[in-house]
Amino acid sequence: MKTDLPTNHVEDISIAVVLESDGPEGGDWQVYLINEKQDVLRNVMVSSKGYGLKDGLEVKTSILRHFIGDIESMEYARIEAIDPQVFGLTNEYWLSYYIDGTIYDRN
């Protein structure tokens, strides 16, 4: 059953929201995945969604799925652009990848 599955801990992986440029209409915000491991991350997949209250109303964003591919050791990859209008919501990222044929995932 589920208790028989190995616990694969996700460590040395970061997700960063970065202001790339600041223009008159607002900033250009990007989300990046950073591999701080000594191993290559293979077949990286990231799902993102937002939810919460905005102006007293419950809001849910679409679920976006991104196939990133491989990320070398100590490298980064762009996941998506993010609209500043969703900054007040809970923005959730689900990450899955392989190292040496073993799958790891983290919400």
PDB file of N, CA and C in Angstrom:
ATOM      1  N   MET A   1       0.825  -1.177   0.000  1.00  0.00           N
ATOM      2  CA  MET A   1       0.000   0.000   0.000  1.00  0.00           C
ATOM      3  C   MET A   1       0.877   1.251   0.000  1.00  0.00           C
ATOM      4  N   LYS A   2       0.252   2.373   0.310  1.00  0.00           N
ATOM      5  CA  LYS A   2       0.964   3.638   0.281  1.00  0.00           C
ATOM      6  C   LYS A   2       2.119   3.666   1.279  1.00  0.00           C
ATOM      7  N   THR A   3       1.966   2.983   2.420  1.00  0.00           N
ATOM      8  CA  THR A   3       3.030   2.959   3.426  1.00  0.00           C
ATOM      9  C   THR A   3       4.232   2.152   2.971  1.00  0.00           C
ATOM     10  N   ASP A   4       4.071   1.299   1.952  1.00  0.00           N
ATOM     11  CA  ASP A   4       5.172   0.494   1.432  1.00  0.00           C
ATOM     12  C   ASP A   4       6.060   1.263   0.454  1.00  0.00           C
ATOM     13  N   LEU A   5       5.592   2.409  -0.016  1.00  0.00           N
ATOM     14  CA  LEU A   5       6.364   3.201  -0.965  1.00  0.00           C
ATOM     15  C   LEU A   5       7.494   3.930  -0.240  1.00  0.00           C
ATOM     16  N   PRO A   6       8.658   4.042  -0.879  1.00  0.00           N
ATOM     17  CA  PRO A   6       9.762   4.766  -0.240  1.00  0.00           C
ATOM     18  C   PRO A   6       9.461   6.256  -0.156  1.00  0.00           C
ATOM     19  N   THR A   7       9.984   6.885   0.882  1.00  0.00           N
ATOM     20  CA  THR A   7       9.825   8.327   1.041  1.00  0.00           C
ATOM     21  C   THR A   7      11.014   8.994   0.368  1.00  0.00           C
ATOM     22  N   ASN A   8      10.778   9.636  -0.744  1.00  0.00           N
ATOM     23  CA  ASN A   8      11.834  10.324  -1.483  1.00  0.00           C
ATOM     24  C   ASN A   8      11.750  11.806  -1.157  1.00  0.00           C
ATOM     25  N   HIS A   9      12.684  12.279  -0.347  1.00  0.00           N
ATOM     26  CA  HIS A   9      12.665  13.666   0.105  1.00  0.00           C
ATOM     27  C   HIS A   9      13.244  14.586  -0.966  1.00  0.00           C
ATOM     28  N   VAL A  10      12.537  15.663  -1.223  1.00  0.00           N
ATOM     29  CA  VAL A  10      12.997  16.677  -2.172  1.00  0.00           C
ATOM     30  C   VAL A  10      13.776  17.720  -1.385  1.00  0.00           C
ATOM     31  N   GLU A  11      15.054  17.842  -1.701  1.00  0.00           N
ATOM     32  CA  GLU A  11      15.924  18.821  -1.058  1.00  0.00           C
ATOM     33  C   GLU A  11      16.781  19.494  -2.121  1.00  0.00           C
ATOM     34  N   ASP A  12      17.294  20.673  -1.789  1.00  0.00           N
ATOM     35  CA  ASP A  12      18.204  21.412  -2.668  1.00  0.00           C
ATOM     36  C   ASP A  12      17.568  21.786  -3.993  1.00  0.00           C
ATOM     37  N   ILE A  13      16.266  22.067  -3.953  1.00  0.00           N
ATOM     38  CA  ILE A  13      15.522  22.562  -5.108  1.00  0.00           C
ATOM     39  C   ILE A  13      14.799  23.824  -4.640  1.00  0.00           C
ATOM     40  N   SER A  14      14.872  24.886  -5.427  1.00  0.00           N
ATOM     41  CA  SER A  14      14.211  26.136  -5.055  1.00  0.00           C
ATOM     42  C   SER A  14      13.334  26.631  -6.197  1.00  0.00           C
ATOM     43  N   ILE A  15      12.275  27.336  -5.831  1.00  0.00           N
ATOM     44  CA  ILE A  15      11.456  28.046  -6.807  1.00  0.00           C
ATOM     45  C   ILE A  15      11.514  29.518  -6.421  1.00  0.00           C
ATOM     46  N   ALA A  16      11.848  30.352  -7.394  1.00  0.00           N
ATOM     47  CA  ALA A  16      12.020  31.781  -7.134  1.00  0.00           C
ATOM     48  C   ALA A  16      11.137  32.594  -8.073  1.00  0.00           C
ATOM     49  N   VAL A  17      10.535  33.647  -7.532  1.00  0.00           N
ATOM     50  CA  VAL A  17       9.782  34.613  -8.328  1.00  0.00           C
ATOM     51  C   VAL A  17      10.669  35.845  -8.453  1.00  0.00           C
ATOM     52  N   VAL A  18      10.979  36.223  -9.705  1.00  0.00           N
ATOM     53  CA  VAL A  18      11.983  37.256  -9.964  1.00  0.00           C
ATOM     54  C   VAL A  18      11.377  38.379 -10.791  1.00  0.00           C
ATOM     55  N   LEU A  19      11.636  39.615 -10.376  1.00  0.00           N
ATOM     56  CA  LEU A  19      11.252  40.788 -11.161  1.00  0.00           C
ATOM     57  C   LEU A  19      12.339  41.007 -12.210  1.00  0.00           C
ATOM     58  N   GLU A  20      12.011  40.739 -13.481  1.00  0.00           N
ATOM     59  CA  GLU A  20      12.994  40.853 -14.556  1.00  0.00           C
ATOM     60  C   GLU A  20      13.147  42.299 -15.033  1.00  0.00           C
ATOM     61  N   SER A  21      12.040  43.017 -15.143  1.00  0.00           N
ATOM     62  CA  SER A  21      12.091  44.421 -15.550  1.00  0.00           C
ATOM     63  C   SER A  21      10.868  45.121 -14.992  1.00  0.00           C
ATOM     64  N   ASP A  22      11.002  46.415 -14.790  1.00  0.00           N
ATOM     65  CA  ASP A  22       9.916  47.204 -14.222  1.00  0.00           C
ATOM     66  C   ASP A  22       9.553  48.298 -15.217  1.00  0.00           C
ATOM     67  N   GLY A  23       8.371  48.166 -15.832  1.00  0.00           N
ATOM     68  CA  GLY A  23       7.934  49.131 -16.829  1.00  0.00           C
ATOM     69  C   GLY A  23       6.781  49.977 -16.324  1.00  0.00           C
ATOM     70  N   PRO A  24       6.289  50.901 -17.151  1.00  0.00           N
ATOM     71  CA  PRO A  24       5.203  51.785 -16.734  1.00  0.00           C
ATOM     72  C   PRO A  24       3.893  51.039 -16.469  1.00  0.00           C
ATOM     73  N   GLU A  25       3.639  49.919 -17.140  1.00  0.00           N
ATOM     74  CA  GLU A  25       2.402  49.164 -16.924  1.00  0.00           C
ATOM     75  C   GLU A  25       2.536  48.147 -15.801  1.00  0.00           C
ATOM     76  N   GLY A  26       3.686  48.023 -15.212  1.00  0.00           N
ATOM     77  CA  GLY A  26       3.922  47.034 -14.157  1.00  0.00           C
ATOM     78  C   GLY A  26       5.167  46.241 -14.456  1.00  0.00           C
ATOM     79  N   GLY A  27       5.479  45.339 -13.546  1.00  0.00           N
ATOM     80  CA  GLY A  27       6.705  44.570 -13.678  1.00  0.00           C
ATOM     81  C   GLY A  27       6.533  43.311 -14.500  1.00  0.00           C
ATOM     82  N   ASP A  28       7.637  42.829 -15.013  1.00  0.00           N
ATOM     83  CA  ASP A  28       7.695  41.559 -15.729  1.00  0.00           C
ATOM     84  C   ASP A  28       8.234  40.523 -14.751  1.00  0.00           C
ATOM     85  N   TRP A  29       7.332  39.763 -14.142  1.00  0.00           N
ATOM     86  CA  TRP A  29       7.693  38.770 -13.131  1.00  0.00           C
ATOM     87  C   TRP A  29       7.787  37.390 -13.763  1.00  0.00           C
ATOM     88  N   GLN A  30       8.836  36.651 -13.429  1.00  0.00           N
ATOM     89  CA  GLN A  30       9.062  35.302 -13.943  1.00  0.00           C
ATOM     90  C   GLN A  30       9.276  34.348 -12.768  1.00  0.00           C
ATOM     91  N   VAL A  31       8.880  33.087 -12.960  1.00  0.00           N
ATOM     92  CA  VAL A  31       9.080  32.048 -11.953  1.00  0.00           C
ATOM     93  C   VAL A  31      10.150  31.089 -12.476  1.00  0.00           C
ATOM     94  N   TYR A  32      11.151  30.797 -11.627  1.00  0.00           N
ATOM     95  CA  TYR A  32      12.266  29.936 -12.007  1.00  0.00           C
ATOM     96  C   TYR A  32      12.386  28.755 -11.054  1.00  0.00           C
ATOM     97  N   LEU A  33      12.857  27.643 -11.582  1.00  0.00           N
ATOM     98  CA  LEU A  33      13.203  26.469 -10.793  1.00  0.00           C
ATOM     99  C   LEU A  33      14.728  26.398 -10.753  1.00  0.00           C
ATOM    100  N   ILE A  34      15.289  26.259  -9.548  1.00  0.00           N
ATOM    101  CA  ILE A  34      16.738  26.252  -9.369  1.00  0.00           C
ATOM    102  C   ILE A  34      17.167  24.888  -8.834  1.00  0.00           C
ATOM    103  N   ASN A  35      18.064  24.226  -9.552  1.00  0.00           N
ATOM    104  CA  ASN A  35      18.606  22.934  -9.141  1.00  0.00           C
ATOM    105  C   ASN A  35      19.910  23.176  -8.384  1.00  0.00           C
ATOM    106  N   GLU A  36      19.882  23.016  -7.065  1.00  0.00           N
ATOM    107  CA  GLU A  36      21.069  23.196  -6.239  1.00  0.00           C
ATOM    108  C   GLU A  36      21.745  21.861  -5.926  1.00  0.00           C
ATOM    109  N   LYS A  37      21.295  20.799  -6.572  1.00  0.00           N
ATOM    110  CA  LYS A  37      21.845  19.454  -6.359  1.00  0.00           C
ATOM    111  C   LYS A  37      23.097  19.234  -7.211  1.00  0.00           C
ATOM    112  N   GLN A  38      23.821  18.178  -6.886  1.00  0.00           N
ATOM    113  CA  GLN A  38      24.957  17.753  -7.696  1.00  0.00           C
ATOM    114  C   GLN A  38      24.511  16.806  -8.811  1.00  0.00           C
ATOM    115  N   ASP A  39      23.208  16.472  -8.835  1.00  0.00           N
ATOM    116  CA  ASP A  39      22.645  15.551  -9.826  1.00  0.00           C
ATOM    117  C   ASP A  39      21.834  16.310 -10.870  1.00  0.00           C
ATOM    118  N   VAL A  40      21.719  15.716 -12.053  1.00  0.00           N
ATOM    119  CA  VAL A  40      20.867  16.253 -13.109  1.00  0.00           C
ATOM    120  C   VAL A  40      19.422  15.859 -12.800  1.00  0.00           C
ATOM    121  N   LEU A  41      18.501  16.795 -12.907  1.00  0.00           N
ATOM    122  CA  LEU A  41      17.076  16.497 -12.765  1.00  0.00           C
ATOM    123  C   LEU A  41      16.566  16.119 -14.148  1.00  0.00           C
ATOM    124  N   ARG A  42      15.955  14.961 -14.259  1.00  0.00           N
ATOM    125  CA  ARG A  42      15.480  14.464 -15.550  1.00  0.00           C
ATOM    126  C   ARG A  42      13.955  14.568 -15.628  1.00  0.00           C
ATOM    127  N   ASN A  43      13.460  14.861 -16.819  1.00  0.00           N
ATOM    128  CA  ASN A  43      12.015  14.896 -17.098  1.00  0.00           C
ATOM    129  C   ASN A  43      11.246  15.734 -16.074  1.00  0.00           C
ATOM    130  N   VAL A  44      11.682  16.950 -15.879  1.00  0.00           N
ATOM    131  CA  VAL A  44      11.069  17.835 -14.883  1.00  0.00           C
ATOM    132  C   VAL A  44       9.704  18.301 -15.383  1.00  0.00           C
ATOM    133  N   MET A  45       8.717  18.165 -14.513  1.00  0.00           N
ATOM    134  CA  MET A  45       7.349  18.601 -14.803  1.00  0.00           C
ATOM    135  C   MET A  45       6.883  19.467 -13.628  1.00  0.00           C
ATOM    136  N   VAL A  46       6.281  20.619 -13.941  1.00  0.00           N
ATOM    137  CA  VAL A  46       5.776  21.523 -12.910  1.00  0.00           C
ATOM    138  C   VAL A  46       4.337  21.889 -13.247  1.00  0.00           C
ATOM    139  N   SER A  47       3.457  21.764 -12.255  1.00  0.00           N
ATOM    140  CA  SER A  47       2.072  22.227 -12.374  1.00  0.00           C
ATOM    141  C   SER A  47       1.905  23.412 -11.430  1.00  0.00           C
ATOM    142  N   SER A  48       1.167  24.414 -11.874  1.00  0.00           N
ATOM    143  CA  SER A  48       0.948  25.583 -11.030  1.00  0.00           C
ATOM    144  C   SER A  48      -0.525  25.950 -11.009  1.00  0.00           C
ATOM    145  N   LYS A  49      -0.945  26.477  -9.857  1.00  0.00           N
ATOM    146  CA  LYS A  49      -2.314  26.983  -9.729  1.00  0.00           C
ATOM    147  C   LYS A  49      -2.346  28.007  -8.609  1.00  0.00           C
ATOM    148  N   GLY A  50      -3.350  28.855  -8.649  1.00  0.00           N
ATOM    149  CA  GLY A  50      -3.553  29.846  -7.611  1.00  0.00           C
ATOM    150  C   GLY A  50      -4.966  29.748  -7.074  1.00  0.00           C
ATOM    151  N   TYR A  51      -5.117  30.080  -5.779  1.00  0.00           N
ATOM    152  CA  TYR A  51      -6.443  30.054  -5.166  1.00  0.00           C
ATOM    153  C   TYR A  51      -6.430  30.955  -3.931  1.00  0.00           C
ATOM    154  N   GLY A  52      -7.626  31.376  -3.538  1.00  0.00           N
ATOM    155  CA  GLY A  52      -7.747  32.209  -2.338  1.00  0.00           C
ATOM    156  C   GLY A  52      -8.850  33.234  -2.495  1.00  0.00           C
ATOM    157  N   LEU A  53      -8.827  34.239  -1.634  1.00  0.00           N
ATOM    158  CA  LEU A  53      -9.822  35.309  -1.650  1.00  0.00           C
ATOM    159  C   LEU A  53      -9.232  36.564  -2.261  1.00  0.00           C
ATOM    160  N   LYS A  54      -9.998  37.187  -3.141  1.00  0.00           N
ATOM    161  CA  LYS A  54      -9.608  38.468  -3.736  1.00  0.00           C
ATOM    162  C   LYS A  54     -10.846  39.340  -3.755  1.00  0.00           C
ATOM    163  N   ASP A  55     -10.782  40.478  -3.105  1.00  0.00           N
ATOM    164  CA  ASP A  55     -11.915  41.400  -2.988  1.00  0.00           C
ATOM    165  C   ASP A  55     -13.138  40.705  -2.391  1.00  0.00           C
ATOM    166  N   GLY A  56     -12.900  39.810  -1.430  1.00  0.00           N
ATOM    167  CA  GLY A  56     -13.981  39.120  -0.749  1.00  0.00           C
ATOM    168  C   GLY A  56     -14.593  37.951  -1.508  1.00  0.00           C
ATOM    169  N   LEU A  57     -14.094  37.653  -2.686  1.00  0.00           N
ATOM    170  CA  LEU A  57     -14.611  36.548  -3.490  1.00  0.00           C
ATOM    171  C   LEU A  57     -13.584  35.428  -3.576  1.00  0.00           C
ATOM    172  N   GLU A  58     -14.072  34.183  -3.581  1.00  0.00           N
ATOM    173  CA  GLU A  58     -13.184  33.047  -3.756  1.00  0.00           C
ATOM    174  C   GLU A  58     -12.763  32.957  -5.222  1.00  0.00           C
ATOM    175  N   VAL A  59     -11.467  32.838  -5.435  1.00  0.00           N
ATOM    176  CA  VAL A  59     -10.905  32.827  -6.782  1.00  0.00           C
ATOM    177  C   VAL A  59     -10.041  31.586  -6.959  1.00  0.00           C
ATOM    178  N   LYS A  60     -10.127  30.965  -8.146  1.00  0.00           N
ATOM    179  CA  LYS A  60      -9.241  29.869  -8.540  1.00  0.00           C
ATOM    180  C   LYS A  60      -8.711  30.172  -9.930  1.00  0.00           C
ATOM    181  N   THR A  61      -7.426  29.977 -10.123  1.00  0.00           N
ATOM    182  CA  THR A  61      -6.855  30.152 -11.456  1.00  0.00           C
ATOM    183  C   THR A  61      -6.857  28.809 -12.179  1.00  0.00           C
ATOM    184  N   SER A  62      -6.552  28.854 -13.443  1.00  0.00           N
ATOM    185  CA  SER A  62      -6.396  27.622 -14.216  1.00  0.00           C
ATOM    186  C   SER A  62      -5.164  26.866 -13.736  1.00  0.00           C
ATOM    187  N   ILE A  63      -5.165  25.559 -13.900  1.00  0.00           N
ATOM    188  CA  ILE A  63      -3.975  24.757 -13.625  1.00  0.00           C
ATOM    189  C   ILE A  63      -3.128  24.753 -14.891  1.00  0.00           C
ATOM    190  N   LEU A  64      -1.883  25.169 -14.744  1.00  0.00           N
ATOM    191  CA  LEU A  64      -0.950  25.185 -15.870  1.00  0.00           C
ATOM    192  C   LEU A  64       0.081  24.088 -15.659  1.00  0.00           C
ATOM    193  N   ARG A  65       0.379  23.332 -16.703  1.00  0.00           N
ATOM    194  CA  ARG A  65       1.363  22.257 -16.637  1.00  0.00           C
ATOM    195  C   ARG A  65       2.512  22.587 -17.581  1.00  0.00           C
ATOM    196  N   HIS A  66       3.721  22.447 -17.061  1.00  0.00           N
ATOM    197  CA  HIS A  66       4.918  22.796 -17.832  1.00  0.00           C
ATOM    198  C   HIS A  66       5.896  21.634 -17.817  1.00  0.00           C
ATOM    199  N   PHE A  67       6.273  21.154 -19.006  1.00  0.00           N
ATOM    200  CA  PHE A  67       7.339  20.170 -19.105  1.00  0.00           C
ATOM    201  C   PHE A  67       8.635  20.931 -19.346  1.00  0.00           C
ATOM    202  N   ILE A  68       9.559  20.831 -18.415  1.00  0.00           N
ATOM    203  CA  ILE A  68      10.811  21.583 -18.490  1.00  0.00           C
ATOM    204  C   ILE A  68      11.908  20.769 -19.163  1.00  0.00           C
ATOM    205  N   GLY A  69      11.888  19.449 -19.006  1.00  0.00           N
ATOM    206  CA  GLY A  69      12.957  18.609 -19.539  1.00  0.00           C
ATOM    207  C   GLY A  69      14.002  18.363 -18.473  1.00  0.00           C
ATOM    208  N   ASP A  70      15.272  18.399 -18.847  1.00  0.00           N
ATOM    209  CA  ASP A  70      16.365  18.150 -17.903  1.00  0.00           C
ATOM    210  C   ASP A  70      16.964  19.470 -17.437  1.00  0.00           C
ATOM    211  N   ILE A  71      17.363  19.488 -16.160  1.00  0.00           N
ATOM    212  CA  ILE A  71      18.054  20.652 -15.607  1.00  0.00           C
ATOM    213  C   ILE A  71      19.361  20.153 -15.010  1.00  0.00           C
ATOM    214  N   GLU A  72      20.450  20.660 -15.531  1.00  0.00           N
ATOM    215  CA  GLU A  72      21.776  20.251 -15.078  1.00  0.00           C
ATOM    216  C   GLU A  72      22.024  20.698 -13.635  1.00  0.00           C
ATOM    217  N   SER A  73      23.035  20.115 -13.027  1.00  0.00           N
ATOM    218  CA  SER A  73      23.441  20.466 -11.672  1.00  0.00           C
ATOM    219  C   SER A  73      23.798  21.953 -11.592  1.00  0.00           C
ATOM    220  N   MET A  74      23.315  22.601 -10.552  1.00  0.00           N
ATOM    221  CA  MET A  74      23.605  24.020 -10.275  1.00  0.00           C
ATOM    222  C   MET A  74      23.142  24.945 -11.400  1.00  0.00           C
ATOM    223  N   GLU A  75      22.067  24.565 -12.092  1.00  0.00           N
ATOM    224  CA  GLU A  75      21.480  25.378 -13.154  1.00  0.00           C
ATOM    225  C   GLU A  75      20.047  25.744 -12.794  1.00  0.00           C
ATOM    226  N   TYR A  76      19.425  26.550 -13.627  1.00  0.00           N
ATOM    227  CA  TYR A  76      18.039  26.950 -13.405  1.00  0.00           C
ATOM    228  C   TYR A  76      17.283  26.897 -14.718  1.00  0.00           C
ATOM    229  N   ALA A  77      15.941  26.910 -14.605  1.00  0.00           N
ATOM    230  CA  ALA A  77      15.088  26.924 -15.794  1.00  0.00           C
ATOM    231  C   ALA A  77      13.875  27.807 -15.497  1.00  0.00           C
ATOM    232  N   ARG A  78      13.438  28.525 -16.502  1.00  0.00           N
ATOM    233  CA  ARG A  78      12.245  29.355 -16.383  1.00  0.00           C
ATOM    234  C   ARG A  78      11.017  28.457 -16.435  1.00  0.00           C
ATOM    235  N   ILE A  79      10.094  28.651 -15.481  1.00  0.00           N
ATOM    236  CA  ILE A  79       8.851  27.889 -15.469  1.00  0.00           C
ATOM    237  C   ILE A  79       7.766  28.650 -16.207  1.00  0.00           C
ATOM    238  N   GLU A  80       7.514  29.895 -15.792  1.00  0.00           N
ATOM    239  CA  GLU A  80       6.417  30.661 -16.386  1.00  0.00           C
ATOM    240  C   GLU A  80       6.521  32.127 -15.991  1.00  0.00           C
ATOM    241  N   ALA A  81       5.794  32.955 -16.725  1.00  0.00           N
ATOM    242  CA  ALA A  81       5.579  34.341 -16.304  1.00  0.00           C
ATOM    243  C   ALA A  81       4.418  34.326 -15.316  1.00  0.00           C
ATOM    244  N   ILE A  82       4.439  35.251 -14.364  1.00  0.00           N
ATOM    245  CA  ILE A  82       3.351  35.314 -13.387  1.00  0.00           C
ATOM    246  C   ILE A  82       2.816  36.742 -13.341  1.00  0.00           C
ATOM    247  N   ASP A  83       1.498  36.850 -13.352  1.00  0.00           N
ATOM    248  CA  ASP A  83       0.820  38.139 -13.333  1.00  0.00           C
ATOM    249  C   ASP A  83       0.762  38.655 -11.898  1.00  0.00           C
ATOM    250  N   PRO A  84       1.172  39.897 -11.651  1.00  0.00           N
ATOM    251  CA  PRO A  84       1.127  40.451 -10.293  1.00  0.00           C
ATOM    252  C   PRO A  84      -0.274  40.447  -9.671  1.00  0.00           C
ATOM    253  N   GLN A  85      -1.320  40.321 -10.473  1.00  0.00           N
ATOM    254  CA  GLN A  85      -2.676  40.286  -9.929  1.00  0.00           C
ATOM    255  C   GLN A  85      -2.932  39.041  -9.083  1.00  0.00           C
ATOM    256  N   VAL A  86      -2.133  37.991  -9.242  1.00  0.00           N
ATOM    257  CA  VAL A  86      -2.329  36.774  -8.452  1.00  0.00           C
ATOM    258  C   VAL A  86      -1.427  36.723  -7.216  1.00  0.00           C
ATOM    259  N   PHE A  87      -0.681  37.794  -6.940  1.00  0.00           N
ATOM    260  CA  PHE A  87       0.221  37.790  -5.793  1.00  0.00           C
ATOM    261  C   PHE A  87      -0.515  37.716  -4.456  1.00  0.00           C
ATOM    262  N   GLY A  88      -1.752  38.158  -4.382  1.00  0.00           N
ATOM    263  CA  GLY A  88      -2.519  38.071  -3.144  1.00  0.00           C
ATOM    264  C   GLY A  88      -3.090  36.687  -2.895  1.00  0.00           C
ATOM    265  N   LEU A  89      -3.004  35.814  -3.894  1.00  0.00           N
ATOM    266  CA  LEU A  89      -3.533  34.454  -3.774  1.00  0.00           C
ATOM    267  C   LEU A  89      -2.430  33.502  -3.299  1.00  0.00           C
ATOM    268  N   THR A  90      -2.825  32.306  -2.910  1.00  0.00           N
ATOM    269  CA  THR A  90      -1.859  31.240  -2.653  1.00  0.00           C
ATOM    270  C   THR A  90      -1.489  30.657  -4.008  1.00  0.00           C
ATOM    271  N   ASN A  91      -0.220  30.752  -4.364  1.00  0.00           N
ATOM    272  CA  ASN A  91       0.268  30.205  -5.632  1.00  0.00           C
ATOM    273  C   ASN A  91       1.023  28.924  -5.317  1.00  0.00           C
ATOM    274  N   GLU A  92       0.519  27.818  -5.849  1.00  0.00           N
ATOM    275  CA  GLU A  92       1.022  26.491  -5.510  1.00  0.00           C
ATOM    276  C   GLU A  92       1.703  25.874  -6.720  1.00  0.00           C
ATOM    277  N   TYR A  93       2.873  25.295  -6.483  1.00  0.00           N
ATOM    278  CA  TYR A  93       3.629  24.627  -7.543  1.00  0.00           C
ATOM    279  C   TYR A  93       3.856  23.174  -7.150  1.00  0.00           C
ATOM    280  N   TRP A  94       3.560  22.251  -8.067  1.00  0.00           N
ATOM    281  CA  TRP A  94       3.784  20.824  -7.857  1.00  0.00           C
ATOM    282  C   TRP A  94       4.911  20.417  -8.790  1.00  0.00           C
ATOM    283  N   LEU A  95       5.993  19.907  -8.220  1.00  0.00           N
ATOM    284  CA  LEU A  95       7.202  19.572  -8.954  1.00  0.00           C
ATOM    285  C   LEU A  95       7.401  18.060  -8.976  1.00  0.00           C
ATOM    286  N   SER A  96       7.715  17.509 -10.147  1.00  0.00           N
ATOM    287  CA  SER A  96       8.067  16.090 -10.289  1.00  0.00           C
ATOM    288  C   SER A  96       9.304  15.992 -11.171  1.00  0.00           C
ATOM    289  N   TYR A  97      10.208  15.075 -10.802  1.00  0.00           N
ATOM    290  CA  TYR A  97      11.412  14.859 -11.597  1.00  0.00           C
ATOM    291  C   TYR A  97      12.001  13.490 -11.256  1.00  0.00           C
ATOM    292  N   TYR A  98      12.967  13.062 -12.058  1.00  0.00           N
ATOM    293  CA  TYR A  98      13.660  11.788 -11.849  1.00  0.00           C
ATOM    294  C   TYR A  98      15.144  12.038 -11.604  1.00  0.00           C
ATOM    295  N   ILE A  99      15.709  11.230 -10.694  1.00  0.00           N
ATOM    296  CA  ILE A  99      17.162  11.131 -10.521  1.00  0.00           C
ATOM    297  C   ILE A  99      17.489   9.651 -10.480  1.00  0.00           C
ATOM    298  N   ASP A 100      18.340   9.208 -11.393  1.00  0.00           N
ATOM    299  CA  ASP A 100      18.743   7.791 -11.474  1.00  0.00           C
ATOM    300  C   ASP A 100      17.538   6.853 -11.512  1.00  0.00           C
ATOM    301  N   GLY A 101      16.516   7.207 -12.268  1.00  0.00           N
ATOM    302  CA  GLY A 101      15.342   6.347 -12.447  1.00  0.00           C
ATOM    303  C   GLY A 101      14.362   6.367 -11.297  1.00  0.00           C
ATOM    304  N   THR A 102      14.604   7.166 -10.263  1.00  0.00           N
ATOM    305  CA  THR A 102      13.697   7.273  -9.123  1.00  0.00           C
ATOM    306  C   THR A 102      12.932   8.588  -9.226  1.00  0.00           C
ATOM    307  N   ILE A 103      11.604   8.516  -9.073  1.00  0.00           N
ATOM    308  CA  ILE A 103      10.798   9.721  -9.182  1.00  0.00           C
ATOM    309  C   ILE A 103      10.706  10.428  -7.822  1.00  0.00           C
ATOM    310  N   TYR A 104      10.767  11.751  -7.889  1.00  0.00           N
ATOM    311  CA  TYR A 104      10.600  12.610  -6.717  1.00  0.00           C
ATOM    312  C   TYR A 104       9.506  13.612  -7.043  1.00  0.00           C
ATOM    313  N   ASP A 105       8.700  13.957  -6.049  1.00  0.00           N
ATOM    314  CA  ASP A 105       7.735  15.016  -6.279  1.00  0.00           C
ATOM    315  C   ASP A 105       7.471  15.745  -4.970  1.00  0.00           C
ATOM    316  N   ARG A 106       7.037  16.987  -5.117  1.00  0.00           N
ATOM    317  CA  ARG A 106       6.798  17.843  -3.948  1.00  0.00           C
ATOM    318  C   ARG A 106       5.809  18.918  -4.342  1.00  0.00           C
ATOM    319  N   ASN A 107       4.929  19.202  -3.413  1.00  0.00           N
ATOM    320  CA  ASN A 107       3.946  20.262  -3.595  1.00  0.00           C
ATOM    321  C   ASN A 107       4.414  21.488  -2.838  1.00  0.00           C
TER     322      ASN A 107
END
